């Protein structure tokens, strides 16, 4: 290998300059600008923020809940303390529609005591959100989610009335496996 000089020879100033330039270019290309999420004004009701705040509030209050879990018409009821309200409200938080790509994907209708968001496209998972208010206070939140593809169909109906009750009704139809229906209901 005639081009290999070995480790004992010093690189020429031209080779050093070329080496430094290549290292500099490699360092620059590996640097990525810091991307900050700006929390500007949200177009729709902030479900994620609301349920995070309510999870923290309920975690500090630690209320006793009568919880009924039913799967395919077999029910079990217990009085429990919910250890992780964030996990309990995960389906509610995941129904948040405040994404930049969805700014024009929902129609908004309001009256004196409620706001309704409805999906304009059947491809969106969150189909409908109804927020009922009593003045500035949230009275009840209803969410309807629907997903369908070649393998399965899933429908969720989520409802939450602060300091009163929450309910999650879910039905799944999976090809070759059949239908699975379950419900979770919590009463404060």
C-alpha atoms as a PDB file:
ATOM      1  CA  UNK A   1       0.000   0.000   0.000  1.00  0.00           C
ATOM      2  CA  UNK A   2       2.042   2.826  -1.291  1.00  0.00           C
ATOM      3  CA  UNK A   3      -0.295   5.584  -0.059  1.00  0.00           C
ATOM      4  CA  UNK A   4      -0.095   4.542   3.605  1.00  0.00           C
ATOM      5  CA  UNK A   5       2.714   6.441   5.322  1.00  0.00           C
ATOM      6  CA  UNK A   6       2.295   4.822   8.706  1.00  0.00           C
ATOM      7  CA  UNK A   7       1.824   6.424  12.101  1.00  0.00           C
ATOM      8  CA  UNK A   8       5.294   7.858  12.483  1.00  0.00           C
ATOM      9  CA  UNK A   9       5.085  10.560   9.815  1.00  0.00           C
ATOM     10  CA  UNK A  10       3.494  13.911  10.556  1.00  0.00           C
ATOM     11  CA  UNK A  11       0.623  15.068   8.351  1.00  0.00           C
ATOM     12  CA  UNK A  12       1.405  18.029   6.131  1.00  0.00           C
ATOM     13  CA  UNK A  13      -0.271  21.393   6.885  1.00  0.00           C
ATOM     14  CA  UNK A  14      -2.609  20.795   3.932  1.00  0.00           C
ATOM     15  CA  UNK A  15      -3.622  17.362   5.268  1.00  0.00           C
ATOM     16  CA  UNK A  16      -4.120  18.810   8.781  1.00  0.00           C
ATOM     17  CA  UNK A  17      -6.280  21.606   7.384  1.00  0.00           C
ATOM     18  CA  UNK A  18      -8.331  19.105   5.423  1.00  0.00           C
ATOM     19  CA  UNK A  19      -8.697  16.893   8.519  1.00  0.00           C
ATOM     20  CA  UNK A  20      -9.806  19.842  10.695  1.00  0.00           C
ATOM     21  CA  UNK A  21     -12.296  20.964   8.054  1.00  0.00           C
ATOM     22  CA  UNK A  22     -13.815  17.478   7.786  1.00  0.00           C
ATOM     23  CA  UNK A  23     -14.087  17.210  11.587  1.00  0.00           C
ATOM     24  CA  UNK A  24     -15.714  20.644  11.754  1.00  0.00           C
ATOM     25  CA  UNK A  25     -18.250  19.714   9.056  1.00  0.00           C
ATOM     26  CA  UNK A  26     -19.004  16.431  10.840  1.00  0.00           C
ATOM     27  CA  UNK A  27     -19.580  18.276  14.119  1.00  0.00           C
ATOM     28  CA  UNK A  28     -21.847  20.835  12.495  1.00  0.00           C
ATOM     29  CA  UNK A  29     -23.945  18.205  10.775  1.00  0.00           C
ATOM     30  CA  UNK A  30     -24.429  16.326  14.051  1.00  0.00           C
ATOM     31  CA  UNK A  31     -25.683  19.428  15.852  1.00  0.00           C
ATOM     32  CA  UNK A  32     -29.422  19.809  15.855  1.00  0.00           C
ATOM     33  CA  UNK A  33     -31.202  22.990  16.848  1.00  0.00           C
ATOM     34  CA  UNK A  34     -33.185  22.808  20.049  1.00  0.00           C
ATOM     35  CA  UNK A  35     -36.845  22.462  19.219  1.00  0.00           C
ATOM     36  CA  UNK A  36     -39.116  24.092  21.741  1.00  0.00           C
ATOM     37  CA  UNK A  37     -42.775  23.344  21.870  1.00  0.00           C
ATOM     38  CA  UNK A  38     -44.599  26.598  22.074  1.00  0.00           C
ATOM     39  CA  UNK A  39     -47.822  26.382  23.934  1.00  0.00           C
ATOM     40  CA  UNK A  40     -49.723  29.069  22.115  1.00  0.00           C
ATOM     41  CA  UNK A  41     -53.418  29.540  22.222  1.00  0.00           C
ATOM     42  CA  UNK A  42     -55.176  26.224  21.764  1.00  0.00           C
ATOM     43  CA  UNK A  43     -58.015  26.118  19.275  1.00  0.00           C
ATOM     44  CA  UNK A  44     -59.969  23.465  21.153  1.00  0.00           C
ATOM     45  CA  UNK A  45     -60.596  22.645  24.801  1.00  0.00           C
ATOM     46  CA  UNK A  46     -57.375  21.377  26.431  1.00  0.00           C
ATOM     47  CA  UNK A  47     -58.451  17.843  27.429  1.00  0.00           C
ATOM     48  CA  UNK A  48     -54.897  16.733  28.195  1.00  0.00           C
ATOM     49  CA  UNK A  49     -54.237  19.727  30.448  1.00  0.00           C
ATOM     50  CA  UNK A  50     -57.620  19.402  32.150  1.00  0.00           C
ATOM     51  CA  UNK A  51     -57.166  15.720  33.012  1.00  0.00           C
ATOM     52  CA  UNK A  52     -53.554  16.207  34.146  1.00  0.00           C
ATOM     53  CA  UNK A  53     -54.716  18.943  36.526  1.00  0.00           C
ATOM     54  CA  UNK A  54     -57.690  16.906  37.739  1.00  0.00           C
ATOM     55  CA  UNK A  55     -55.457  13.848  38.220  1.00  0.00           C
ATOM     56  CA  UNK A  56     -53.190  15.909  40.462  1.00  0.00           C
ATOM     57  CA  UNK A  57     -56.194  17.280  42.364  1.00  0.00           C
ATOM     58  CA  UNK A  58     -57.686  13.828  42.912  1.00  0.00           C
ATOM     59  CA  UNK A  59     -54.304  12.369  43.896  1.00  0.00           C
ATOM     60  CA  UNK A  60     -54.007  14.967  46.651  1.00  0.00           C
ATOM     61  CA  UNK A  61     -57.609  14.390  47.852  1.00  0.00           C
ATOM     62  CA  UNK A  62     -57.337  10.581  47.613  1.00  0.00           C
ATOM     63  CA  UNK A  63     -61.109   9.892  47.421  1.00  0.00           C
ATOM     64  CA  UNK A  64     -62.684   6.476  47.908  1.00  0.00           C
ATOM     65  CA  UNK A  65     -64.223   5.247  44.646  1.00  0.00           C
ATOM     66  CA  UNK A  66     -66.776   2.515  44.073  1.00  0.00           C
ATOM     67  CA  UNK A  67     -65.388   0.966  40.921  1.00  0.00           C
ATOM     68  CA  UNK A  68     -67.230  -1.530  38.749  1.00  0.00           C
ATOM     69  CA  UNK A  69     -65.384  -3.375  36.011  1.00  0.00           C
ATOM     70  CA  UNK A  70     -67.420  -5.415  33.568  1.00  0.00           C
ATOM     71  CA  UNK A  71     -66.106  -7.576  30.735  1.00  0.00           C
ATOM     72  CA  UNK A  72     -68.535  -9.392  28.461  1.00  0.00           C
ATOM     73  CA  UNK A  73     -71.366  -9.118  31.018  1.00  0.00           C
ATOM     74  CA  UNK A  74     -69.285 -10.376  33.967  1.00  0.00           C
ATOM     75  CA  UNK A  75     -69.032  -7.617  36.553  1.00  0.00           C
ATOM     76  CA  UNK A  76     -67.015  -7.034  39.706  1.00  0.00           C
ATOM     77  CA  UNK A  77     -67.451  -4.094  42.097  1.00  0.00           C
ATOM     78  CA  UNK A  78     -65.021  -2.883  44.764  1.00  0.00           C
ATOM     79  CA  UNK A  79     -64.422   0.177  46.870  1.00  0.00           C
ATOM     80  CA  UNK A  80     -60.896   1.333  46.103  1.00  0.00           C
ATOM     81  CA  UNK A  81     -58.460   4.219  46.346  1.00  0.00           C
ATOM     82  CA  UNK A  82     -57.041   4.967  42.906  1.00  0.00           C
ATOM     83  CA  UNK A  83     -53.247   5.037  43.201  1.00  0.00           C
ATOM     84  CA  UNK A  84     -52.563   6.549  39.776  1.00  0.00           C
ATOM     85  CA  UNK A  85     -55.237   8.903  38.454  1.00  0.00           C
ATOM     86  CA  UNK A  86     -53.092   9.713  35.420  1.00  0.00           C
ATOM     87  CA  UNK A  87     -53.306   6.098  34.291  1.00  0.00           C
ATOM     88  CA  UNK A  88     -57.007   5.978  35.148  1.00  0.00           C
ATOM     89  CA  UNK A  89     -57.681   8.978  32.866  1.00  0.00           C
ATOM     90  CA  UNK A  90     -55.238   7.937  30.121  1.00  0.00           C
ATOM     91  CA  UNK A  91     -57.948   7.288  27.507  1.00  0.00           C
ATOM     92  CA  UNK A  92     -59.426  10.727  28.212  1.00  0.00           C
ATOM     93  CA  UNK A  93     -56.036  12.439  27.797  1.00  0.00           C
ATOM     94  CA  UNK A  94     -55.302  10.492  24.608  1.00  0.00           C
ATOM     95  CA  UNK A  95     -58.498  11.896  23.080  1.00  0.00           C
ATOM     96  CA  UNK A  96     -57.064  15.437  23.041  1.00  0.00           C
ATOM     97  CA  UNK A  97     -57.561  17.022  19.606  1.00  0.00           C
ATOM     98  CA  UNK A  98     -55.142  19.961  19.972  1.00  0.00           C
ATOM     99  CA  UNK A  99     -52.587  18.999  17.337  1.00  0.00           C
ATOM    100  CA  UNK A 100     -51.437  21.453  14.689  1.00  0.00           C
ATOM    101  CA  UNK A 101     -52.389  19.067  11.872  1.00  0.00           C
ATOM    102  CA  UNK A 102     -55.976  18.906  13.170  1.00  0.00           C
ATOM    103  CA  UNK A 103     -56.651  22.658  13.510  1.00  0.00           C
ATOM    104  CA  UNK A 104     -59.255  22.555  10.721  1.00  0.00           C
ATOM    105  CA  UNK A 105     -60.408  18.973  11.229  1.00  0.00           C
ATOM    106  CA  UNK A 106     -63.174  19.598  13.774  1.00  0.00           C
ATOM    107  CA  UNK A 107     -66.331  21.690  13.663  1.00  0.00           C
ATOM    108  CA  UNK A 108     -67.257  23.637  16.798  1.00  0.00           C
ATOM    109  CA  UNK A 109     -70.796  24.342  17.956  1.00  0.00           C
ATOM    110  CA  UNK A 110     -71.664  26.126  21.170  1.00  0.00           C
ATOM    111  CA  UNK A 111     -74.681  27.078  23.185  1.00  0.00           C
ATOM    112  CA  UNK A 112     -75.009  28.645  26.623  1.00  0.00           C
ATOM    113  CA  UNK A 113     -74.062  25.505  28.574  1.00  0.00           C
ATOM    114  CA  UNK A 114     -72.028  23.336  26.194  1.00  0.00           C
ATOM    115  CA  UNK A 115     -69.360  23.150  23.515  1.00  0.00           C
ATOM    116  CA  UNK A 116     -69.340  20.337  20.952  1.00  0.00           C
ATOM    117  CA  UNK A 117     -66.430  19.356  18.715  1.00  0.00           C
ATOM    118  CA  UNK A 118     -67.187  16.974  15.845  1.00  0.00           C
ATOM    119  CA  UNK A 119     -64.706  15.404  13.440  1.00  0.00           C
ATOM    120  CA  UNK A 120     -65.111  16.460   9.823  1.00  0.00           C
ATOM    121  CA  UNK A 121     -63.361  13.319   8.555  1.00  0.00           C
ATOM    122  CA  UNK A 122     -64.255   9.705   9.384  1.00  0.00           C
ATOM    123  CA  UNK A 123     -60.516   8.891   9.541  1.00  0.00           C
ATOM    124  CA  UNK A 124     -60.047  10.732  12.851  1.00  0.00           C
ATOM    125  CA  UNK A 125     -60.175   8.555  15.963  1.00  0.00           C
ATOM    126  CA  UNK A 126     -61.834  11.124  18.225  1.00  0.00           C
ATOM    127  CA  UNK A 127     -65.228  11.583  16.602  1.00  0.00           C
ATOM    128  CA  UNK A 128     -66.992  13.839  19.096  1.00  0.00           C
ATOM    129  CA  UNK A 129     -66.342  15.751  22.313  1.00  0.00           C
ATOM    130  CA  UNK A 130     -69.128  17.408  24.284  1.00  0.00           C
ATOM    131  CA  UNK A 131     -68.244  19.637  27.232  1.00  0.00           C
ATOM    132  CA  UNK A 132     -71.155  20.656  29.423  1.00  0.00           C
ATOM    133  CA  UNK A 133     -70.618  23.604  31.725  1.00  0.00           C
ATOM    134  CA  UNK A 134     -72.356  25.305  34.572  1.00  0.00           C
ATOM    135  CA  UNK A 135     -71.030  28.832  34.214  1.00  0.00           C
ATOM    136  CA  UNK A 136     -67.236  28.464  34.030  1.00  0.00           C
ATOM    137  CA  UNK A 137     -67.265  25.119  35.828  1.00  0.00           C
ATOM    138  CA  UNK A 138     -67.087  21.815  33.931  1.00  0.00           C
ATOM    139  CA  UNK A 139     -70.194  19.781  34.648  1.00  0.00           C
ATOM    140  CA  UNK A 140     -69.534  16.799  32.365  1.00  0.00           C
ATOM    141  CA  UNK A 141     -67.280  15.709  29.495  1.00  0.00           C
ATOM    142  CA  UNK A 142     -68.387  13.143  26.909  1.00  0.00           C
ATOM    143  CA  UNK A 143     -65.973  11.721  24.318  1.00  0.00           C
ATOM    144  CA  UNK A 144     -66.702   9.296  21.498  1.00  0.00           C
ATOM    145  CA  UNK A 145     -63.787   7.570  19.757  1.00  0.00           C
ATOM    146  CA  UNK A 146     -64.001   5.193  16.831  1.00  0.00           C
ATOM    147  CA  UNK A 147     -61.305   3.303  14.931  1.00  0.00           C
ATOM    148  CA  UNK A 148     -61.854   0.892  12.072  1.00  0.00           C
ATOM    149  CA  UNK A 149     -59.556  -0.946   9.684  1.00  0.00           C
ATOM    150  CA  UNK A 150     -59.453  -4.313   7.940  1.00  0.00           C
ATOM    151  CA  UNK A 151     -58.582  -6.234  11.117  1.00  0.00           C
ATOM    152  CA  UNK A 152     -60.630  -4.610  13.843  1.00  0.00           C
ATOM    153  CA  UNK A 153     -63.177  -2.019  14.848  1.00  0.00           C
ATOM    154  CA  UNK A 154     -63.104  -0.227  18.188  1.00  0.00           C
ATOM    155  CA  UNK A 155     -65.623   2.153  19.729  1.00  0.00           C
ATOM    156  CA  UNK A 156     -65.081   4.031  23.002  1.00  0.00           C
ATOM    157  CA  UNK A 157     -67.547   6.146  24.900  1.00  0.00           C
ATOM    158  CA  UNK A 158     -65.890   8.071  27.732  1.00  0.00           C
ATOM    159  CA  UNK A 159     -67.732  10.255  30.214  1.00  0.00           C
ATOM    160  CA  UNK A 160     -66.512  12.208  33.213  1.00  0.00           C
ATOM    161  CA  UNK A 161     -68.458  14.296  35.692  1.00  0.00           C
ATOM    162  CA  UNK A 162     -65.985  15.845  38.185  1.00  0.00           C
ATOM    163  CA  UNK A 163     -66.370  14.645  41.788  1.00  0.00           C
ATOM    164  CA  UNK A 164     -69.326  12.494  40.781  1.00  0.00           C
ATOM    165  CA  UNK A 165     -68.540   9.693  38.292  1.00  0.00           C
ATOM    166  CA  UNK A 166     -66.547   8.535  35.298  1.00  0.00           C
ATOM    167  CA  UNK A 167     -67.306   5.776  32.848  1.00  0.00           C
ATOM    168  CA  UNK A 168     -65.422   4.056  30.035  1.00  0.00           C
ATOM    169  CA  UNK A 169     -67.394   1.838  27.663  1.00  0.00           C
ATOM    170  CA  UNK A 170     -65.405   0.046  24.985  1.00  0.00           C
ATOM    171  CA  UNK A 171     -66.391  -2.458  22.313  1.00  0.00           C
ATOM    172  CA  UNK A 172     -63.863  -4.190  20.074  1.00  0.00           C
ATOM    173  CA  UNK A 173     -64.548  -6.454  17.142  1.00  0.00           C
ATOM    174  CA  UNK A 174     -61.488  -8.338  15.955  1.00  0.00           C
ATOM    175  CA  UNK A 175     -61.633 -10.538  12.890  1.00  0.00           C
ATOM    176  CA  UNK A 176     -61.247 -14.216  13.738  1.00  0.00           C
ATOM    177  CA  UNK A 177     -61.360 -13.462  17.496  1.00  0.00           C
ATOM    178  CA  UNK A 178     -64.842 -12.019  17.831  1.00  0.00           C
ATOM    179  CA  UNK A 179     -66.228  -9.238  19.971  1.00  0.00           C
ATOM    180  CA  UNK A 180     -65.024  -8.029  23.360  1.00  0.00           C
ATOM    181  CA  UNK A 181     -67.029  -5.515  25.391  1.00  0.00           C
ATOM    182  CA  UNK A 182     -65.934  -3.943  28.617  1.00  0.00           C
ATOM    183  CA  UNK A 183     -66.978  -1.130  30.899  1.00  0.00           C
ATOM    184  CA  UNK A 184     -65.335   0.670  33.812  1.00  0.00           C
ATOM    185  CA  UNK A 185     -67.451   2.842  36.055  1.00  0.00           C
ATOM    186  CA  UNK A 186     -66.251   4.823  39.035  1.00  0.00           C
ATOM    187  CA  UNK A 187     -68.522   6.578  41.516  1.00  0.00           C
ATOM    188  CA  UNK A 188     -67.061   9.066  43.999  1.00  0.00           C
END
